[in-house]
């Protein structure tokens, strides 16, 4: 039997949930409830279908909308936000909504652009990409991000087309 509350949800927690609270702790929207050593439940109305719960589950008991187990992923392997400087207007929505506070506005004067300042702290939940009204953030697999940095396509803050921003900020 699926374990979720109120309506449809893409992620479900099934036995053998051991109640370790890893999913509860990392959920960016507090959509998971449960106590230690008890089966946890996903509150559908709060779940944003980011998959972070499955990525941190040590016993792989969370399924997606197709009833497939969501694989555990190390923090370094989760998707990362890549910011397109040309689309970023500096509205700060992404910074304000980031549950891990790993995004920051940087630049000088009118050229403020979001930057991923805490790559290792990013949980890959995609809230920033979803909230961005200008399609300036694209979630990109971690391995691809590394290749883009090495190729000089994005900078170390995961900003695409960043040359002007870095020059203005003196970076």
N, C-alpha and C. Protein backbone atom coordinates (compact mmCIF):
# COMPACT_ATOMS: atom_id res chain seq x y z
N UNK A 1 0.84 -1.19 0.00
CA UNK A 1 0.00 0.00 0.00
C UNK A 1 0.88 1.24 0.00
N UNK A 2 0.58 2.23 -0.85
CA UNK A 2 1.35 3.47 -0.88
C UNK A 2 1.21 4.24 0.44
N UNK A 3 2.23 4.98 0.79
CA UNK A 3 2.19 5.75 2.03
C UNK A 3 2.32 7.23 1.72
N UNK A 4 1.15 7.86 1.47
CA UNK A 4 1.11 9.29 1.26
C UNK A 4 -0.24 9.82 1.73
N UNK A 5 -0.32 11.09 1.97
CA UNK A 5 -1.52 11.71 2.50
C UNK A 5 -2.05 12.73 1.49
N UNK A 6 -3.37 12.80 1.33
CA UNK A 6 -4.05 13.83 0.52
C UNK A 6 -3.68 13.79 -0.96
N UNK A 7 -4.40 13.07 -1.74
CA UNK A 7 -4.29 13.18 -3.19
C UNK A 7 -3.13 12.43 -3.82
N UNK A 8 -2.87 12.81 -5.05
CA UNK A 8 -1.84 12.17 -5.86
C UNK A 8 -0.46 12.71 -5.51
N UNK A 9 0.53 11.86 -5.58
CA UNK A 9 1.92 12.27 -5.37
C UNK A 9 2.80 11.36 -6.23
N UNK A 10 3.87 11.92 -6.73
CA UNK A 10 4.76 11.13 -7.58
C UNK A 10 5.65 10.19 -6.80
N UNK A 11 6.13 10.60 -5.64
CA UNK A 11 7.00 9.75 -4.84
C UNK A 11 6.16 9.06 -3.76
N UNK A 12 6.48 7.80 -3.49
CA UNK A 12 5.81 7.05 -2.43
C UNK A 12 6.87 6.33 -1.61
N UNK A 13 6.60 6.19 -0.32
CA UNK A 13 7.50 5.45 0.56
C UNK A 13 6.86 4.10 0.84
N UNK A 14 7.62 3.04 0.64
CA UNK A 14 7.11 1.69 0.84
C UNK A 14 7.99 0.95 1.83
N UNK A 15 7.49 -0.15 2.30
CA UNK A 15 8.35 -0.99 3.13
C UNK A 15 9.49 -1.43 2.24
N UNK A 16 10.68 -1.50 2.66
CA UNK A 16 11.22 -1.64 4.00
C UNK A 16 11.72 -0.35 4.65
N UNK A 17 10.93 0.73 4.63
CA UNK A 17 11.33 1.97 5.31
C UNK A 17 11.72 1.64 6.74
N UNK A 18 12.91 2.10 7.15
CA UNK A 18 13.41 1.78 8.49
C UNK A 18 13.26 2.97 9.45
N UNK A 19 12.69 4.07 8.95
CA UNK A 19 12.48 5.22 9.81
C UNK A 19 13.77 5.91 10.22
N UNK A 20 14.71 5.97 9.30
CA UNK A 20 16.01 6.58 9.62
C UNK A 20 15.95 8.11 9.63
N UNK A 21 14.93 8.68 9.07
CA UNK A 21 14.66 10.12 8.96
C UNK A 21 15.54 10.85 7.94
N UNK A 22 16.31 10.14 7.12
CA UNK A 22 17.15 10.81 6.12
C UNK A 22 16.28 11.59 5.14
N UNK A 23 15.19 10.99 4.66
CA UNK A 23 14.31 11.67 3.71
C UNK A 23 13.63 12.86 4.37
N UNK A 24 13.17 12.68 5.58
CA UNK A 24 12.50 13.74 6.32
C UNK A 24 13.43 14.94 6.51
N UNK A 25 14.67 14.67 6.83
CA UNK A 25 15.65 15.72 7.09
C UNK A 25 16.00 16.51 5.83
N UNK A 26 16.10 15.84 4.68
CA UNK A 26 16.54 16.50 3.45
C UNK A 26 15.41 17.05 2.59
N UNK A 27 14.17 16.70 2.86
CA UNK A 27 13.05 17.18 2.05
C UNK A 27 12.99 18.70 2.12
N UNK A 28 13.09 19.40 0.97
CA UNK A 28 13.13 20.86 0.98
C UNK A 28 11.79 21.52 1.31
N UNK A 29 10.70 20.76 1.24
CA UNK A 29 9.38 21.36 1.50
C UNK A 29 8.70 20.76 2.73
N UNK A 30 9.42 20.00 3.52
CA UNK A 30 8.89 19.36 4.72
C UNK A 30 7.63 18.54 4.40
N UNK A 31 7.69 17.80 3.29
CA UNK A 31 6.56 17.00 2.83
C UNK A 31 6.56 15.59 3.41
N UNK A 32 7.53 15.25 4.24
CA UNK A 32 7.62 13.91 4.78
C UNK A 32 7.45 13.96 6.29
N UNK A 33 6.61 13.08 6.79
CA UNK A 33 6.37 13.01 8.23
C UNK A 33 6.64 11.59 8.70
N UNK A 34 7.04 11.49 9.95
CA UNK A 34 7.31 10.18 10.55
C UNK A 34 8.34 10.32 11.64
N UNK A 35 8.39 9.33 12.48
CA UNK A 35 9.35 9.33 13.58
C UNK A 35 10.41 8.28 13.36
N UNK A 36 11.39 8.29 14.24
CA UNK A 36 12.47 7.30 14.13
C UNK A 36 11.88 5.90 14.23
N UNK A 37 12.37 5.04 13.37
CA UNK A 37 12.02 3.62 13.32
C UNK A 37 10.53 3.38 13.04
N UNK A 38 9.89 4.33 12.33
CA UNK A 38 8.51 4.14 11.89
C UNK A 38 8.45 4.42 10.39
N UNK A 39 7.47 3.84 9.74
CA UNK A 39 7.28 4.06 8.31
C UNK A 39 6.91 5.52 8.09
N UNK A 40 7.66 6.21 7.22
CA UNK A 40 7.40 7.62 6.94
C UNK A 40 6.33 7.77 5.86
N UNK A 41 5.74 8.96 5.81
CA UNK A 41 4.65 9.24 4.88
C UNK A 41 4.96 10.54 4.14
N UNK A 42 4.61 10.57 2.85
CA UNK A 42 4.76 11.79 2.05
C UNK A 42 3.42 12.51 2.00
N UNK A 43 3.42 13.80 2.34
CA UNK A 43 2.22 14.62 2.27
C UNK A 43 2.14 15.17 0.85
N UNK A 44 1.19 14.67 0.09
CA UNK A 44 1.10 14.98 -1.34
C UNK A 44 0.98 16.48 -1.62
N UNK A 45 0.26 17.19 -0.78
CA UNK A 45 0.04 18.62 -1.01
C UNK A 45 1.31 19.45 -0.87
N UNK A 46 2.32 18.90 -0.20
CA UNK A 46 3.57 19.62 -0.01
C UNK A 46 4.68 19.13 -0.94
N UNK A 47 4.55 17.93 -1.47
CA UNK A 47 5.60 17.31 -2.28
C UNK A 47 5.74 18.03 -3.63
N UNK A 48 6.99 18.32 -4.02
CA UNK A 48 7.26 18.97 -5.31
C UNK A 48 7.89 18.01 -6.31
N UNK A 49 7.90 16.74 -5.99
CA UNK A 49 8.41 15.70 -6.89
C UNK A 49 9.87 15.89 -7.28
N UNK A 50 10.69 16.35 -6.36
CA UNK A 50 12.10 16.61 -6.68
C UNK A 50 12.95 15.35 -6.62
N UNK A 51 12.51 14.33 -5.89
CA UNK A 51 13.25 13.08 -5.82
C UNK A 51 14.37 13.05 -4.79
N UNK A 52 14.55 14.12 -4.05
CA UNK A 52 15.63 14.17 -3.06
C UNK A 52 15.44 13.08 -2.01
N UNK A 53 14.19 12.81 -1.64
CA UNK A 53 13.93 11.79 -0.63
C UNK A 53 14.49 10.44 -1.07
N UNK A 54 14.25 10.08 -2.33
CA UNK A 54 14.78 8.82 -2.84
C UNK A 54 16.28 8.80 -2.95
N UNK A 55 16.85 9.95 -3.27
CA UNK A 55 18.30 10.04 -3.40
C UNK A 55 19.03 9.80 -2.09
N UNK A 56 18.39 10.10 -0.96
CA UNK A 56 19.06 9.94 0.33
C UNK A 56 18.64 8.69 1.08
N UNK A 57 17.67 7.96 0.58
CA UNK A 57 17.15 6.78 1.27
C UNK A 57 18.19 5.65 1.26
N UNK A 58 18.63 5.19 2.44
CA UNK A 58 19.66 4.15 2.49
C UNK A 58 19.14 2.75 2.14
N UNK A 59 17.81 2.56 2.15
CA UNK A 59 17.27 1.23 1.84
C UNK A 59 16.47 1.22 0.54
N UNK A 60 16.52 2.31 -0.21
CA UNK A 60 15.87 2.43 -1.51
C UNK A 60 14.42 1.94 -1.46
N UNK A 61 13.59 2.67 -0.71
CA UNK A 61 12.18 2.26 -0.58
C UNK A 61 11.21 3.33 -1.09
N UNK A 62 11.70 4.30 -1.84
CA UNK A 62 10.83 5.36 -2.36
C UNK A 62 10.69 5.17 -3.87
N UNK A 63 9.45 5.21 -4.34
CA UNK A 63 9.18 5.00 -5.75
C UNK A 63 8.71 6.30 -6.41
N UNK A 64 8.91 6.37 -7.73
CA UNK A 64 8.45 7.53 -8.49
C UNK A 64 7.03 7.28 -9.01
N UNK A 65 6.56 8.18 -9.88
CA UNK A 65 5.20 8.08 -10.38
C UNK A 65 4.96 6.85 -11.25
N UNK A 66 6.03 6.19 -11.71
CA UNK A 66 5.91 4.97 -12.52
C UNK A 66 6.14 3.72 -11.68
N UNK A 67 6.15 3.90 -10.36
CA UNK A 67 6.36 2.82 -9.39
C UNK A 67 7.75 2.20 -9.51
N UNK A 68 8.72 2.99 -9.99
CA UNK A 68 10.12 2.55 -10.05
C UNK A 68 10.84 3.07 -8.81
N UNK A 69 11.71 2.26 -8.26
CA UNK A 69 12.48 2.70 -7.11
C UNK A 69 13.40 3.85 -7.51
N UNK A 70 13.43 4.89 -6.69
CA UNK A 70 14.31 6.03 -6.93
C UNK A 70 15.68 5.66 -6.37
N UNK A 71 16.72 5.65 -7.21
CA UNK A 71 18.04 5.20 -6.74
C UNK A 71 18.70 6.22 -5.81
N UNK A 72 19.48 5.70 -4.91
CA UNK A 72 20.27 6.57 -4.02
C UNK A 72 21.36 7.24 -4.86
N UNK A 73 21.55 8.53 -4.63
CA UNK A 73 22.60 9.27 -5.32
C UNK A 73 23.40 10.05 -4.29
N UNK A 74 24.69 10.04 -4.45
CA UNK A 74 25.55 10.85 -3.58
C UNK A 74 25.29 12.33 -3.89
N UNK A 75 25.52 13.19 -2.93
CA UNK A 75 25.31 14.63 -3.13
C UNK A 75 26.04 15.13 -4.37
N UNK A 76 27.21 14.61 -4.61
CA UNK A 76 28.01 15.08 -5.75
C UNK A 76 27.47 14.62 -7.09
N UNK A 77 26.50 13.71 -7.10
CA UNK A 77 25.94 13.19 -8.34
C UNK A 77 24.55 13.73 -8.66
N UNK A 78 24.02 14.58 -7.81
CA UNK A 78 22.67 15.11 -8.04
C UNK A 78 22.70 16.26 -9.03
N UNK A 79 21.59 16.49 -9.72
CA UNK A 79 21.54 17.59 -10.69
C UNK A 79 21.84 18.94 -10.03
N UNK A 80 22.38 19.85 -10.81
CA UNK A 80 22.76 21.18 -10.34
C UNK A 80 22.08 22.25 -11.20
N UNK A 81 21.80 23.38 -10.61
CA UNK A 81 21.23 24.47 -11.40
C UNK A 81 22.32 25.17 -12.21
N UNK A 82 22.10 25.29 -13.51
CA UNK A 82 22.98 26.07 -14.37
C UNK A 82 22.21 27.33 -14.73
N UNK A 83 22.80 28.47 -14.43
CA UNK A 83 22.13 29.76 -14.61
C UNK A 83 22.57 30.38 -15.92
N UNK A 84 21.61 30.74 -16.76
CA UNK A 84 21.90 31.42 -18.01
C UNK A 84 21.86 32.92 -17.76
N UNK A 85 23.02 33.55 -17.77
CA UNK A 85 23.13 34.97 -17.48
C UNK A 85 22.26 35.82 -18.39
N UNK A 86 22.12 35.40 -19.63
CA UNK A 86 21.34 36.18 -20.59
C UNK A 86 19.86 36.23 -20.24
N UNK A 87 19.36 35.23 -19.52
CA UNK A 87 17.94 35.21 -19.14
C UNK A 87 17.70 35.72 -17.73
N UNK A 88 18.73 35.70 -16.88
CA UNK A 88 18.58 36.11 -15.48
C UNK A 88 18.37 37.61 -15.39
N UNK A 89 17.29 38.01 -14.71
CA UNK A 89 16.98 39.43 -14.54
C UNK A 89 17.37 39.95 -13.16
N UNK A 90 17.86 39.07 -12.31
CA UNK A 90 18.25 39.49 -10.97
C UNK A 90 17.07 39.64 -10.02
N UNK A 91 15.99 38.92 -10.26
CA UNK A 91 14.78 39.07 -9.46
C UNK A 91 14.90 38.50 -8.05
N UNK A 92 15.83 37.64 -7.79
CA UNK A 92 16.14 36.98 -6.51
C UNK A 92 15.16 35.89 -6.09
N UNK A 93 14.18 35.52 -6.90
CA UNK A 93 13.26 34.45 -6.52
C UNK A 93 14.02 33.17 -6.18
N UNK A 94 14.97 32.80 -7.02
CA UNK A 94 15.71 31.55 -6.80
C UNK A 94 16.48 31.60 -5.48
N UNK A 95 17.08 32.73 -5.19
CA UNK A 95 17.84 32.89 -3.94
C UNK A 95 16.90 32.79 -2.74
N UNK A 96 15.76 33.45 -2.85
CA UNK A 96 14.79 33.46 -1.74
C UNK A 96 14.19 32.09 -1.48
N UNK A 97 13.98 31.29 -2.52
CA UNK A 97 13.32 30.00 -2.37
C UNK A 97 14.26 28.83 -2.13
N UNK A 98 15.56 29.01 -2.30
CA UNK A 98 16.50 27.91 -2.12
C UNK A 98 16.49 27.44 -0.66
N UNK A 99 16.10 26.18 -0.42
CA UNK A 99 16.01 25.70 0.97
C UNK A 99 17.37 25.50 1.63
N UNK A 100 18.43 25.42 0.85
CA UNK A 100 19.76 25.18 1.40
C UNK A 100 20.64 26.43 1.38
N UNK A 101 20.10 27.56 0.92
CA UNK A 101 20.84 28.83 0.86
C UNK A 101 22.17 28.71 0.12
N UNK A 102 22.15 28.05 -1.04
CA UNK A 102 23.38 27.88 -1.81
C UNK A 102 23.43 28.78 -3.04
N UNK A 103 22.42 29.63 -3.22
CA UNK A 103 22.41 30.58 -4.33
C UNK A 103 22.58 31.99 -3.77
N UNK A 104 23.25 32.83 -4.55
CA UNK A 104 23.51 34.21 -4.12
C UNK A 104 23.54 35.10 -5.35
N UNK A 105 23.07 36.32 -5.19
CA UNK A 105 23.14 37.30 -6.28
C UNK A 105 24.53 37.94 -6.23
N UNK A 106 25.19 37.98 -7.38
CA UNK A 106 26.51 38.60 -7.48
C UNK A 106 26.57 39.46 -8.72
N UNK A 107 27.42 40.42 -8.68
CA UNK A 107 27.60 41.31 -9.81
C UNK A 107 27.76 42.73 -9.31
N UNK A 108 27.65 43.66 -10.23
CA UNK A 108 27.87 45.05 -9.88
C UNK A 108 26.77 45.90 -10.52
N UNK A 109 26.15 46.74 -9.73
CA UNK A 109 25.13 47.63 -10.28
C UNK A 109 23.93 46.87 -10.80
N UNK A 110 23.58 47.12 -12.04
CA UNK A 110 22.41 46.50 -12.64
C UNK A 110 22.68 45.10 -13.18
N UNK A 111 23.89 44.60 -13.04
CA UNK A 111 24.21 43.29 -13.60
C UNK A 111 24.29 42.24 -12.49
N UNK A 112 23.27 42.18 -11.64
CA UNK A 112 23.21 41.17 -10.60
C UNK A 112 22.66 39.87 -11.20
N UNK A 113 23.40 38.78 -11.01
CA UNK A 113 23.01 37.49 -11.56
C UNK A 113 23.16 36.43 -10.47
N UNK A 114 22.24 35.48 -10.46
CA UNK A 114 22.30 34.38 -9.50
C UNK A 114 23.55 33.54 -9.76
N UNK A 115 24.19 33.10 -8.66
CA UNK A 115 25.37 32.24 -8.72
C UNK A 115 25.17 31.09 -7.73
N UNK A 116 25.60 29.90 -8.10
CA UNK A 116 25.59 28.76 -7.20
C UNK A 116 26.88 28.82 -6.39
N UNK A 117 26.79 29.31 -5.16
CA UNK A 117 27.99 29.49 -4.34
C UNK A 117 28.29 28.28 -3.47
N UNK A 118 27.31 27.40 -3.30
CA UNK A 118 27.50 26.23 -2.46
C UNK A 118 27.24 24.95 -3.21
N UNK A 119 28.08 24.65 -4.19
CA UNK A 119 27.87 23.48 -5.04
C UNK A 119 27.68 22.23 -4.20
N UNK A 120 28.52 22.03 -3.20
CA UNK A 120 28.44 20.80 -2.41
C UNK A 120 27.20 20.76 -1.52
N UNK A 121 26.58 21.89 -1.25
CA UNK A 121 25.39 21.91 -0.41
C UNK A 121 24.09 21.82 -1.18
N UNK A 122 24.15 21.94 -2.49
CA UNK A 122 22.95 21.88 -3.33
C UNK A 122 22.39 20.46 -3.32
N UNK A 123 21.10 20.33 -2.98
CA UNK A 123 20.48 19.00 -2.93
C UNK A 123 19.82 18.61 -4.24
N UNK A 124 19.81 19.52 -5.21
CA UNK A 124 19.26 19.21 -6.53
C UNK A 124 17.74 19.14 -6.57
N UNK A 125 17.08 19.90 -5.70
CA UNK A 125 15.62 19.83 -5.61
C UNK A 125 14.90 20.53 -6.75
N UNK A 126 15.57 21.44 -7.44
CA UNK A 126 15.03 22.17 -8.60
C UNK A 126 14.00 23.25 -8.25
N UNK A 127 13.88 23.60 -6.98
CA UNK A 127 12.96 24.69 -6.62
C UNK A 127 13.35 25.98 -7.33
N UNK A 128 14.64 26.23 -7.44
CA UNK A 128 15.12 27.45 -8.10
C UNK A 128 14.69 27.50 -9.56
N UNK A 129 14.80 26.37 -10.24
CA UNK A 129 14.42 26.31 -11.66
C UNK A 129 12.92 26.45 -11.83
N UNK A 130 12.15 25.86 -10.91
CA UNK A 130 10.70 25.95 -11.00
C UNK A 130 10.18 27.36 -10.72
N UNK A 131 10.81 28.06 -9.79
CA UNK A 131 10.33 29.38 -9.39
C UNK A 131 10.79 30.48 -10.34
N UNK A 132 11.83 30.25 -11.11
CA UNK A 132 12.37 31.28 -12.00
C UNK A 132 11.35 31.65 -13.08
N UNK A 133 10.90 32.91 -13.11
CA UNK A 133 9.90 33.32 -14.09
C UNK A 133 10.48 33.57 -15.48
N UNK A 134 11.80 33.49 -15.63
CA UNK A 134 12.43 33.84 -16.90
C UNK A 134 13.18 32.68 -17.54
N UNK A 135 12.96 31.46 -17.03
CA UNK A 135 13.62 30.28 -17.59
C UNK A 135 15.14 30.42 -17.62
N UNK A 136 15.69 31.04 -16.59
CA UNK A 136 17.13 31.27 -16.56
C UNK A 136 17.90 30.13 -15.91
N UNK A 137 17.19 29.18 -15.30
CA UNK A 137 17.86 28.09 -14.58
C UNK A 137 17.43 26.76 -15.16
N UNK A 138 18.42 25.96 -15.51
CA UNK A 138 18.17 24.62 -16.05
C UNK A 138 18.90 23.63 -15.17
N UNK A 139 18.19 22.62 -14.68
CA UNK A 139 18.81 21.58 -13.89
C UNK A 139 19.61 20.69 -14.84
N UNK A 140 20.86 20.44 -14.47
CA UNK A 140 21.79 19.71 -15.33
C UNK A 140 22.49 18.64 -14.50
N UNK A 141 22.64 17.47 -15.07
CA UNK A 141 23.30 16.38 -14.35
C UNK A 141 24.70 16.80 -13.91
N UNK A 142 25.11 16.34 -12.74
CA UNK A 142 26.38 16.75 -12.14
C UNK A 142 27.57 16.47 -13.04
N UNK A 143 27.61 15.32 -13.67
CA UNK A 143 28.73 14.99 -14.56
C UNK A 143 28.81 15.95 -15.73
N UNK A 144 27.66 16.30 -16.28
CA UNK A 144 27.64 17.26 -17.39
C UNK A 144 28.12 18.64 -16.93
N UNK A 145 27.74 19.03 -15.72
CA UNK A 145 28.19 20.32 -15.17
C UNK A 145 29.71 20.36 -15.08
N UNK A 146 30.31 19.28 -14.60
CA UNK A 146 31.77 19.22 -14.49
C UNK A 146 32.42 19.40 -15.86
N UNK A 147 31.85 18.75 -16.87
CA UNK A 147 32.38 18.88 -18.23
C UNK A 147 32.23 20.31 -18.74
N UNK A 148 31.09 20.95 -18.44
CA UNK A 148 30.85 22.32 -18.88
C UNK A 148 31.83 23.30 -18.23
N UNK A 149 32.14 23.07 -16.95
CA UNK A 149 33.13 23.92 -16.26
C UNK A 149 34.50 23.73 -16.89
N UNK A 150 34.90 22.47 -17.09
CA UNK A 150 36.20 22.17 -17.68
C UNK A 150 36.35 22.76 -19.08
N UNK A 151 35.25 22.79 -19.83
CA UNK A 151 35.27 23.32 -21.20
C UNK A 151 35.14 24.84 -21.23
N UNK A 152 34.92 25.46 -20.07
CA UNK A 152 34.80 26.91 -20.01
C UNK A 152 33.44 27.43 -20.47
N UNK A 153 32.45 26.54 -20.58
CA UNK A 153 31.12 26.96 -21.03
C UNK A 153 30.34 27.59 -19.88
N UNK A 154 30.55 27.09 -18.67
CA UNK A 154 30.00 27.73 -17.48
C UNK A 154 31.17 28.00 -16.53
N UNK A 155 30.98 28.98 -15.64
CA UNK A 155 32.05 29.28 -14.70
C UNK A 155 31.93 28.43 -13.45
N UNK A 156 32.79 28.66 -12.48
CA UNK A 156 32.78 27.83 -11.27
C UNK A 156 31.53 28.02 -10.43
N UNK A 157 30.74 29.06 -10.72
CA UNK A 157 29.48 29.30 -10.03
C UNK A 157 28.29 28.79 -10.84
N UNK A 158 28.58 28.02 -11.89
CA UNK A 158 27.57 27.40 -12.75
C UNK A 158 26.73 28.43 -13.50
N UNK A 159 27.38 29.51 -13.92
CA UNK A 159 26.72 30.55 -14.71
C UNK A 159 27.20 30.44 -16.15
N UNK A 160 26.25 30.35 -17.07
CA UNK A 160 26.53 30.30 -18.51
C UNK A 160 26.59 31.73 -19.03
N UNK A 161 27.48 32.00 -19.98
CA UNK A 161 27.66 33.35 -20.55
C UNK A 161 28.06 34.35 -19.47
N UNK A 162 28.98 33.95 -18.61
CA UNK A 162 29.29 34.73 -17.42
C UNK A 162 30.41 35.75 -17.60
N UNK A 163 31.04 35.84 -18.73
CA UNK A 163 32.21 36.70 -18.90
C UNK A 163 31.93 38.14 -18.48
N UNK A 164 30.83 38.71 -18.93
CA UNK A 164 30.49 40.10 -18.60
C UNK A 164 30.24 40.27 -17.11
N UNK A 165 29.55 39.31 -16.49
CA UNK A 165 29.24 39.39 -15.06
C UNK A 165 30.52 39.36 -14.23
N UNK A 166 31.43 38.45 -14.60
CA UNK A 166 32.68 38.34 -13.85
C UNK A 166 33.53 39.59 -14.02
N UNK A 167 33.54 40.16 -15.20
CA UNK A 167 34.32 41.37 -15.44
C UNK A 167 33.75 42.52 -14.61
N UNK A 168 32.42 42.64 -14.58
CA UNK A 168 31.79 43.73 -13.82
C UNK A 168 32.01 43.59 -12.33
N UNK A 169 32.06 42.33 -11.86
CA UNK A 169 32.23 42.10 -10.42
C UNK A 169 33.69 42.02 -10.02
N UNK A 170 34.60 42.08 -10.99
CA UNK A 170 36.03 42.00 -10.70
C UNK A 170 36.46 40.62 -10.24
N UNK A 171 35.81 39.57 -10.76
CA UNK A 171 36.13 38.20 -10.33
C UNK A 171 37.10 37.55 -11.26
